Structures are given as C-alpha cells and as structure tokens.
Amino acid sequence: MLTLDRMMRPKRSRTTYDMTIFQTPSYGEDKGYRNVYRLSIEAEDHADALYRTFRMFNVSDLMPKDFNGRYLTSKDIVFIDEGRKGHFYYRLQSDGWAQVNRVILQ
C-alpha cells in the first residue's frame, strides 16, 4: 500500500543492497543467530529495503525456492552491507525494525 508521503514525493534513485538474514534455531531465542539467507535487493533506502525483505519472506508465493528458514518474525535480524558506507544490523521487534549494534553468532 502506498502512503501519501510516497505518492507525493518524486522517485529517488534506487540502490542495490546486499542483505543477509539471521535467525536463531528456535523461535524466540536471543542468542545463537545463524546466517540463513543472503540476497540483493534494489530499494530507495534502508526502510524500503527492509519492507521489501519482510514482504518477500512472509508471503509464501514470493519466498525464494532455496530458502530453508522460517517466516521473518520478532527477534530476527537483517544485516545490510553497504561496503565502505558501513554495515547495519536491524532487528525486527513488535513495533517495527530497530537498529542494533551487533549480532551474537553461534
């Protein structure tokens, strides 16, 4: 659904973001994240890239065939790698995406 804000502003250039999804082995855990899937997404900014990723991995028809994880849920982490521009981690919470400092990997 397009918001009024997106309809009124002119289209910005899109950037290709390198995204990595991290999930824990069991739903609801806080430690032991594993790299589940890596993809490239073309989006306007981080918010748009996170929206597209969430949509892709929560609609079964859009989900890639080689994806072995579960649907994106609370406490899952998405890593955005922009190379020299920086590395960004976002954690899905009940009220949306929140930027976090790092991931505790297994």
Protein backbone atom coordinates (compact mmCIF):
# COMPACT_ATOMS: atom_id res chain seq x y z
CA MET A 1 0.00 0.00 0.00
CA LEU A 2 1.41 3.36 -0.97
CA THR A 3 1.31 6.07 1.63
CA LEU A 4 0.52 9.65 0.74
CA ASP A 5 4.12 10.57 1.52
CA ARG A 6 5.46 8.12 -1.08
CA MET A 7 2.92 9.21 -3.69
CA MET A 8 3.70 12.93 -3.34
CA ARG A 9 7.50 12.86 -3.36
CA PRO A 10 9.43 12.36 -6.58
CA LYS A 11 11.06 8.99 -7.23
CA ARG A 12 14.55 8.74 -5.87
CA SER A 13 17.28 6.68 -7.36
CA ARG A 14 17.41 3.08 -6.26
CA THR A 15 20.43 1.34 -4.79
CA THR A 16 21.18 -2.36 -4.67
CA TYR A 17 21.61 -3.50 -1.07
CA ASP A 18 23.37 -6.69 0.00
CA MET A 19 21.07 -8.22 2.64
CA THR A 20 21.70 -11.16 4.96
CA ILE A 21 19.01 -12.72 7.17
CA PHE A 22 19.99 -14.14 10.55
CA GLN A 23 17.67 -16.39 12.57
CA THR A 24 18.05 -18.49 15.69
CA PRO A 25 17.47 -22.27 15.50
CA SER A 26 14.29 -21.94 17.57
CA TYR A 27 11.74 -19.14 17.57
CA GLY A 28 12.13 -16.57 20.36
CA GLU A 29 15.78 -17.14 21.30
CA ASP A 30 18.16 -14.22 21.85
CA LYS A 31 21.49 -15.91 21.10
CA GLY A 32 22.89 -18.30 18.53
CA TYR A 33 21.98 -16.49 15.33
CA ARG A 34 22.87 -18.23 12.07
CA ASN A 35 23.15 -16.90 8.56
CA VAL A 36 20.02 -18.25 6.86
CA TYR A 37 19.86 -16.45 3.52
CA ARG A 38 21.69 -13.79 1.53
CA LEU A 39 20.23 -11.72 -1.31
CA SER A 40 20.47 -8.43 -3.14
CA ILE A 41 17.51 -6.05 -3.13
CA GLU A 42 17.02 -2.88 -5.12
CA ALA A 43 15.45 -0.19 -2.92
CA GLU A 44 15.38 3.54 -2.26
CA ASP A 45 16.73 3.38 1.31
CA HIS A 46 17.09 1.05 4.30
CA ALA A 47 13.43 1.33 5.27
CA ASP A 48 12.32 0.39 1.76
CA ALA A 49 14.84 -2.49 1.65
CA LEU A 50 13.60 -3.83 5.00
CA TYR A 51 9.98 -3.55 3.86
CA ARG A 52 10.72 -5.47 0.65
CA THR A 53 12.66 -8.14 2.56
CA PHE A 54 9.89 -8.57 5.14
CA ARG A 55 7.28 -8.85 2.40
CA MET A 56 9.32 -11.35 0.41
CA PHE A 57 9.91 -13.66 3.38
CA ASN A 58 6.36 -13.50 4.79
CA VAL A 59 4.40 -14.21 1.61
CA SER A 60 4.86 -17.84 0.63
CA ASP A 61 4.47 -17.14 -3.12
CA LEU A 62 7.28 -14.57 -3.05
CA MET A 63 9.68 -16.65 -0.95
CA PRO A 64 12.74 -17.96 -2.85
CA LYS A 65 12.68 -21.70 -3.54
CA ASP A 66 16.09 -22.25 -1.95
CA PHE A 67 15.17 -20.54 1.35
CA ASN A 68 15.35 -23.02 4.25
CA GLY A 69 14.48 -20.72 7.16
CA ARG A 70 11.13 -19.78 8.64
CA TYR A 71 9.00 -16.69 8.13
CA LEU A 72 10.54 -13.44 9.41
CA THR A 73 9.33 -12.91 12.97
CA SER A 74 10.22 -10.86 16.03
CA LYS A 75 13.89 -11.03 17.08
CA ASP A 76 15.12 -11.96 13.58
CA ILE A 77 17.97 -9.81 12.30
CA VAL A 78 18.68 -8.41 8.84
CA PHE A 79 22.20 -7.24 8.03
CA ILE A 80 22.69 -4.60 5.35
CA ASP A 81 26.20 -4.39 3.93
CA GLU A 82 26.97 -1.20 2.04
CA GLY A 83 30.69 -1.87 1.72
CA ARG A 84 32.66 1.26 2.53
CA LYS A 85 29.50 3.13 3.51
CA GLY A 86 29.02 0.85 6.52
CA HIS A 87 27.39 -2.22 7.96
CA PHE A 88 23.95 -2.01 9.55
CA TYR A 89 22.03 -4.53 11.66
CA TYR A 90 18.25 -4.27 12.09
CA ARG A 91 16.22 -6.39 14.49
CA LEU A 92 12.52 -6.99 13.93
CA GLN A 93 10.50 -6.05 17.00
CA SER A 94 6.80 -5.90 17.66
CA ASP A 95 6.67 -2.20 16.74
CA GLY A 96 8.89 -2.43 13.65
CA TRP A 97 12.58 -2.53 12.78
CA ALA A 98 15.14 -1.24 15.27
CA GLN A 99 18.82 -0.75 14.54
CA VAL A 100 21.14 -2.80 16.78
CA ASN A 101 24.90 -2.68 17.25
CA ARG A 102 25.87 -6.29 16.59
CA VAL A 103 24.72 -9.89 16.37
CA ILE A 104 25.75 -12.74 18.68
CA LEU A 105 26.56 -15.55 16.28
CA GLN A 106 26.93 -19.20 17.13
